[in-house]
């Protein structure tokens, strides 16, 4: 069966909040998709930050 289209799924960028505050060079970002109809608010997930070498909170930007 063929897909009819993307529908309500959009691509979002997640950026580390702790890395921004630490002042270290570089940036930890992830790209994911979300359903804008089911979750209208900004996405917040715990993801691994390779520069800080720990799991931190990543928030949706833009």
PDB file of N, CA and C in Angstrom:
ATOM      1  N   UNK A   1       0.836  -1.180   0.000  1.00  0.00           N
ATOM      2  CA  UNK A   1       0.000   0.000   0.000  1.00  0.00           C
ATOM      3  C   UNK A   1       0.887   1.251   0.000  1.00  0.00           C
ATOM      4  N   UNK A   2       0.551   2.198  -0.807  1.00  0.00           N
ATOM      5  CA  UNK A   2       1.355   3.408  -0.942  1.00  0.00           C
ATOM      6  C   UNK A   2       0.975   4.441   0.113  1.00  0.00           C
ATOM      7  N   UNK A   3       1.975   5.228   0.521  1.00  0.00           N
ATOM      8  CA  UNK A   3       1.710   6.320   1.464  1.00  0.00           C
ATOM      9  C   UNK A   3       1.035   7.469   0.726  1.00  0.00           C
ATOM     10  N   UNK A   4       0.173   8.193   1.417  1.00  0.00           N
ATOM     11  CA  UNK A   4      -0.542   9.294   0.780  1.00  0.00           C
ATOM     12  C   UNK A   4       0.173  10.631   0.933  1.00  0.00           C
ATOM     13  N   UNK A   5       1.129  10.744   1.842  1.00  0.00           N
ATOM     14  CA  UNK A   5       1.854  12.004   2.020  1.00  0.00           C
ATOM     15  C   UNK A   5       2.347  12.124   3.449  1.00  0.00           C
ATOM     16  N   UNK A   6       3.060  13.182   3.711  1.00  0.00           N
ATOM     17  CA  UNK A   6       3.645  13.358   5.038  1.00  0.00           C
ATOM     18  C   UNK A   6       2.617  13.762   6.072  1.00  0.00           C
ATOM     19  N   UNK A   7       1.581  14.500   5.678  1.00  0.00           N
ATOM     20  CA  UNK A   7       0.541  14.878   6.618  1.00  0.00           C
ATOM     21  C   UNK A   7       1.014  15.897   7.623  1.00  0.00           C
ATOM     22  N   UNK A   8       0.864  15.585   8.911  1.00  0.00           N
ATOM     23  CA  UNK A   8       1.146  16.541   9.978  1.00  0.00           C
ATOM     24  C   UNK A   8       2.545  16.410  10.581  1.00  0.00           C
ATOM     25  N   UNK A   9       3.372  15.514  10.050  1.00  0.00           N
ATOM     26  CA  UNK A   9       4.713  15.334  10.615  1.00  0.00           C
ATOM     27  C   UNK A   9       5.657  16.408  10.084  1.00  0.00           C
ATOM     28  N   UNK A  10       6.380  17.043  11.013  1.00  0.00           N
ATOM     29  CA  UNK A  10       7.352  18.064  10.642  1.00  0.00           C
ATOM     30  C   UNK A  10       8.708  17.723  11.251  1.00  0.00           C
ATOM     31  N   UNK A  11       9.768  18.234  10.634  1.00  0.00           N
ATOM     32  CA  UNK A  11      11.118  18.002  11.124  1.00  0.00           C
ATOM     33  C   UNK A  11      11.488  19.112  12.109  1.00  0.00           C
ATOM     34  N   UNK A  12      12.055  18.732  13.272  1.00  0.00           N
ATOM     35  CA  UNK A  12      12.450  19.711  14.285  1.00  0.00           C
ATOM     36  C   UNK A  12      13.906  19.481  14.685  1.00  0.00           C
ATOM     37  N   UNK A  13      14.549  20.535  15.181  1.00  0.00           N
ATOM     38  CA  UNK A  13      15.934  20.460  15.651  1.00  0.00           C
ATOM     39  C   UNK A  13      15.940  20.590  17.158  1.00  0.00           C
ATOM     40  N   UNK A  14      16.627  19.662  17.833  1.00  0.00           N
ATOM     41  CA  UNK A  14      16.760  19.697  19.287  1.00  0.00           C
ATOM     42  C   UNK A  14      18.169  20.163  19.626  1.00  0.00           C
ATOM     43  N   UNK A  15      18.285  21.122  20.561  1.00  0.00           N
ATOM     44  CA  UNK A  15      19.586  21.676  20.941  1.00  0.00           C
ATOM     45  C   UNK A  15      19.787  21.513  22.444  1.00  0.00           C
ATOM     46  N   UNK A  16      20.999  21.183  22.856  1.00  0.00           N
ATOM     47  CA  UNK A  16      21.328  20.971  24.267  1.00  0.00           C
ATOM     48  C   UNK A  16      21.249  22.284  25.043  1.00  0.00           C
ATOM     49  N   UNK A  17      20.594  22.246  26.213  1.00  0.00           N
ATOM     50  CA  UNK A  17      20.462  23.443  27.044  1.00  0.00           C
ATOM     51  C   UNK A  17      21.684  23.639  27.947  1.00  0.00           C
ATOM     52  N   UNK A  18      22.241  22.560  28.471  1.00  0.00           N
ATOM     53  CA  UNK A  18      23.397  22.653  29.369  1.00  0.00           C
ATOM     54  C   UNK A  18      24.662  23.087  28.630  1.00  0.00           C
ATOM     55  N   UNK A  19      24.819  22.627  27.400  1.00  0.00           N
ATOM     56  CA  UNK A  19      26.011  22.959  26.619  1.00  0.00           C
ATOM     57  C   UNK A  19      26.063  24.458  26.338  1.00  0.00           C
ATOM     58  N   UNK A  20      24.900  25.049  26.067  1.00  0.00           N
ATOM     59  CA  UNK A  20      24.808  26.478  25.787  1.00  0.00           C
ATOM     60  C   UNK A  20      25.266  27.291  27.001  1.00  0.00           C
ATOM     61  N   UNK A  21      24.872  26.857  28.197  1.00  0.00           N
ATOM     62  CA  UNK A  21      25.201  27.569  29.434  1.00  0.00           C
ATOM     63  C   UNK A  21      26.652  27.365  29.866  1.00  0.00           C
ATOM     64  N   UNK A  22      27.266  26.243  29.478  1.00  0.00           N
ATOM     65  CA  UNK A  22      28.624  25.929  29.924  1.00  0.00           C
ATOM     66  C   UNK A  22      29.681  26.805  29.255  1.00  0.00           C
ATOM     67  N   UNK A  23      29.403  27.315  28.053  1.00  0.00           N
ATOM     68  CA  UNK A  23      30.359  28.160  27.346  1.00  0.00           C
ATOM     69  C   UNK A  23      31.424  27.392  26.582  1.00  0.00           C
ATOM     70  N   UNK A  24      31.313  26.053  26.546  1.00  0.00           N
ATOM     71  CA  UNK A  24      32.278  25.241  25.806  1.00  0.00           C
ATOM     72  C   UNK A  24      32.042  25.391  24.306  1.00  0.00           C
ATOM     73  N   UNK A  25      33.108  25.267  23.499  1.00  0.00           N
ATOM     74  CA  UNK A  25      32.922  25.382  22.049  1.00  0.00           C
ATOM     75  C   UNK A  25      32.141  24.190  21.491  1.00  0.00           C
ATOM     76  N   UNK A  26      31.491  24.412  20.358  1.00  0.00           N
ATOM     77  CA  UNK A  26      30.712  23.357  19.714  1.00  0.00           C
ATOM     78  C   UNK A  26      29.259  23.404  20.158  1.00  0.00           C
ATOM     79  N   UNK A  27      28.466  22.489  19.604  1.00  0.00           N
ATOM     80  CA  UNK A  27      27.049  22.445  19.942  1.00  0.00           C
ATOM     81  C   UNK A  27      26.533  21.030  19.708  1.00  0.00           C
ATOM     82  N   UNK A  28      25.670  20.561  20.586  1.00  0.00           N
ATOM     83  CA  UNK A  28      25.055  19.248  20.444  1.00  0.00           C
ATOM     84  C   UNK A  28      23.636  19.439  19.919  1.00  0.00           C
ATOM     85  N   UNK A  29      23.377  18.944  18.712  1.00  0.00           N
ATOM     86  CA  UNK A  29      22.055  19.069  18.103  1.00  0.00           C
ATOM     87  C   UNK A  29      21.617  17.740  17.515  1.00  0.00           C
ATOM     88  N   UNK A  30      20.313  17.484  17.578  1.00  0.00           N
ATOM     89  CA  UNK A  30      19.710  16.296  16.985  1.00  0.00           C
ATOM     90  C   UNK A  30      18.551  16.735  16.105  1.00  0.00           C
ATOM     91  N   UNK A  31      18.285  15.981  15.039  1.00  0.00           N
ATOM     92  CA  UNK A  31      17.138  16.235  14.170  1.00  0.00           C
ATOM     93  C   UNK A  31      16.166  15.078  14.335  1.00  0.00           C
ATOM     94  N   UNK A  32      14.880  15.393  14.523  1.00  0.00           N
ATOM     95  CA  UNK A  32      13.849  14.379  14.665  1.00  0.00           C
ATOM     96  C   UNK A  32      12.558  14.904  14.057  1.00  0.00           C
ATOM     97  N   UNK A  33      11.522  14.093  14.074  1.00  0.00           N
ATOM     98  CA  UNK A  33      10.221  14.529  13.564  1.00  0.00           C
ATOM     99  C   UNK A  33       9.196  14.463  14.677  1.00  0.00           C
ATOM    100  N   UNK A  34       8.148  15.279  14.543  1.00  0.00           N
ATOM    101  CA  UNK A  34       7.049  15.236  15.502  1.00  0.00           C
ATOM    102  C   UNK A  34       5.749  15.495  14.765  1.00  0.00           C
ATOM    103  N   UNK A  35       4.660  15.069  15.366  1.00  0.00           N
ATOM    104  CA  UNK A  35       3.339  15.309  14.819  1.00  0.00           C
ATOM    105  C   UNK A  35       2.833  16.615  15.409  1.00  0.00           C
ATOM    106  N   UNK A  36       2.729  17.661  14.582  1.00  0.00           N
ATOM    107  CA  UNK A  36       2.357  18.979  15.095  1.00  0.00           C
ATOM    108  C   UNK A  36       0.908  19.038  15.561  1.00  0.00           C
ATOM    109  N   UNK A  37       0.088  18.109  15.119  1.00  0.00           N
ATOM    110  CA  UNK A  37      -1.315  18.074  15.546  1.00  0.00           C
ATOM    111  C   UNK A  37      -1.444  17.525  16.977  1.00  0.00           C
ATOM    112  N   UNK A  38      -0.670  16.476  17.299  1.00  0.00           N
ATOM    113  CA  UNK A  38      -0.751  15.853  18.620  1.00  0.00           C
ATOM    114  C   UNK A  38       0.074  16.582  19.673  1.00  0.00           C
ATOM    115  N   UNK A  39       1.191  17.163  19.293  1.00  0.00           N
ATOM    116  CA  UNK A  39       2.044  17.867  20.255  1.00  0.00           C
ATOM    117  C   UNK A  39       2.398  19.244  19.703  1.00  0.00           C
ATOM    118  N   UNK A  40       1.561  20.202  20.009  1.00  0.00           N
ATOM    119  CA  UNK A  40       1.754  21.557  19.493  1.00  0.00           C
ATOM    120  C   UNK A  40       2.867  22.301  20.233  1.00  0.00           C
ATOM    121  N   UNK A  41       3.081  21.975  21.520  1.00  0.00           N
ATOM    122  CA  UNK A  41       4.120  22.650  22.306  1.00  0.00           C
ATOM    123  C   UNK A  41       5.507  22.166  21.872  1.00  0.00           C
ATOM    124  N   UNK A  42       6.510  22.882  22.335  1.00  0.00           N
ATOM    125  CA  UNK A  42       7.890  22.541  21.962  1.00  0.00           C
ATOM    126  C   UNK A  42       8.321  21.231  22.614  1.00  0.00           C
ATOM    127  N   UNK A  43       9.060  20.449  21.858  1.00  0.00           N
ATOM    128  CA  UNK A  43       9.512  19.133  22.276  1.00  0.00           C
ATOM    129  C   UNK A  43      10.725  19.250  23.198  1.00  0.00           C
ATOM    130  N   UNK A  44      10.788  18.404  24.219  1.00  0.00           N
ATOM    131  CA  UNK A  44      11.897  18.379  25.167  1.00  0.00           C
ATOM    132  C   UNK A  44      12.252  16.923  25.446  1.00  0.00           C
ATOM    133  N   UNK A  45      13.461  16.496  25.066  1.00  0.00           N
ATOM    134  CA  UNK A  45      13.879  15.111  25.241  1.00  0.00           C
ATOM    135  C   UNK A  45      15.254  15.043  25.895  1.00  0.00           C
ATOM    136  N   UNK A  46      15.519  13.942  26.588  1.00  0.00           N
ATOM    137  CA  UNK A  46      16.848  13.702  27.141  1.00  0.00           C
ATOM    138  C   UNK A  46      17.651  12.931  26.097  1.00  0.00           C
ATOM    139  N   UNK A  47      18.776  13.509  25.678  1.00  0.00           N
ATOM    140  CA  UNK A  47      19.634  12.907  24.670  1.00  0.00           C
ATOM    141  C   UNK A  47      21.090  12.973  25.141  1.00  0.00           C
ATOM    142  N   UNK A  48      21.944  12.159  24.530  1.00  0.00           N
ATOM    143  CA  UNK A  48      23.358  12.122  24.893  1.00  0.00           C
ATOM    144  C   UNK A  48      24.111  13.279  24.246  1.00  0.00           C
ATOM    145  N   UNK A  49      24.920  13.970  25.050  1.00  0.00           N
ATOM    146  CA  UNK A  49      25.776  15.043  24.549  1.00  0.00           C
ATOM    147  C   UNK A  49      27.211  14.520  24.530  1.00  0.00           C
ATOM    148  N   UNK A  50      27.805  14.302  23.351  1.00  0.00           N
ATOM    149  CA  UNK A  50      29.149  13.722  23.275  1.00  0.00           C
ATOM    150  C   UNK A  50      30.254  14.646  23.796  1.00  0.00           C
ATOM    151  N   UNK A  51      30.053  15.954  23.783  1.00  0.00           N
ATOM    152  CA  UNK A  51      31.077  16.881  24.271  1.00  0.00           C
ATOM    153  C   UNK A  51      31.122  16.856  25.796  1.00  0.00           C
ATOM    154  N   UNK A  52      29.956  16.905  26.444  1.00  0.00           N
ATOM    155  CA  UNK A  52      29.888  16.853  27.906  1.00  0.00           C
ATOM    156  C   UNK A  52      29.963  15.422  28.434  1.00  0.00           C
ATOM    157  N   UNK A  53      29.796  14.448  27.547  1.00  0.00           N
ATOM    158  CA  UNK A  53      29.843  13.015  27.871  1.00  0.00           C
ATOM    159  C   UNK A  53      28.813  12.615  28.919  1.00  0.00           C
ATOM    160  N   UNK A  54      27.586  13.123  28.750  1.00  0.00           N
ATOM    161  CA  UNK A  54      26.482  12.728  29.627  1.00  0.00           C
ATOM    162  C   UNK A  54      25.152  13.011  28.946  1.00  0.00           C
ATOM    163  N   UNK A  55      24.090  12.472  29.521  1.00  0.00           N
ATOM    164  CA  UNK A  55      22.747  12.682  29.003  1.00  0.00           C
ATOM    165  C   UNK A  55      22.213  14.007  29.542  1.00  0.00           C
ATOM    166  N   UNK A  56      21.726  14.869  28.637  1.00  0.00           N
ATOM    167  CA  UNK A  56      21.232  16.185  29.024  1.00  0.00           C
ATOM    168  C   UNK A  56      19.881  16.443  28.364  1.00  0.00           C
ATOM    169  N   UNK A  57      19.216  17.506  28.790  1.00  0.00           N
ATOM    170  CA  UNK A  57      17.929  17.889  28.213  1.00  0.00           C
ATOM    171  C   UNK A  57      18.173  18.672  26.930  1.00  0.00           C
ATOM    172  N   UNK A  58      17.512  18.253  25.860  1.00  0.00           N
ATOM    173  CA  UNK A  58      17.577  18.933  24.565  1.00  0.00           C
ATOM    174  C   UNK A  58      16.198  19.506  24.271  1.00  0.00           C
ATOM    175  N   UNK A  59      16.139  20.794  23.935  1.00  0.00           N
ATOM    176  CA  UNK A  59      14.860  21.452  23.640  1.00  0.00           C
ATOM    177  C   UNK A  59      14.776  21.805  22.162  1.00  0.00           C
ATOM    178  N   UNK A  60      13.552  21.843  21.676  1.00  0.00           N
ATOM    179  CA  UNK A  60      13.290  22.207  20.288  1.00  0.00           C
ATOM    180  C   UNK A  60      13.598  23.685  20.073  1.00  0.00           C
ATOM    181  N   UNK A  61      14.268  23.985  18.962  1.00  0.00           N
ATOM    182  CA  UNK A  61      14.574  25.383  18.631  1.00  0.00           C
ATOM    183  C   UNK A  61      13.797  25.768  17.379  1.00  0.00           C
ATOM    184  N   UNK A  62      13.684  27.062  17.148  1.00  0.00           N
ATOM    185  CA  UNK A  62      13.043  27.657  15.973  1.00  0.00           C
ATOM    186  C   UNK A  62      11.584  27.456  15.928  1.00  0.00           C
TER     187      UNK A  62
END
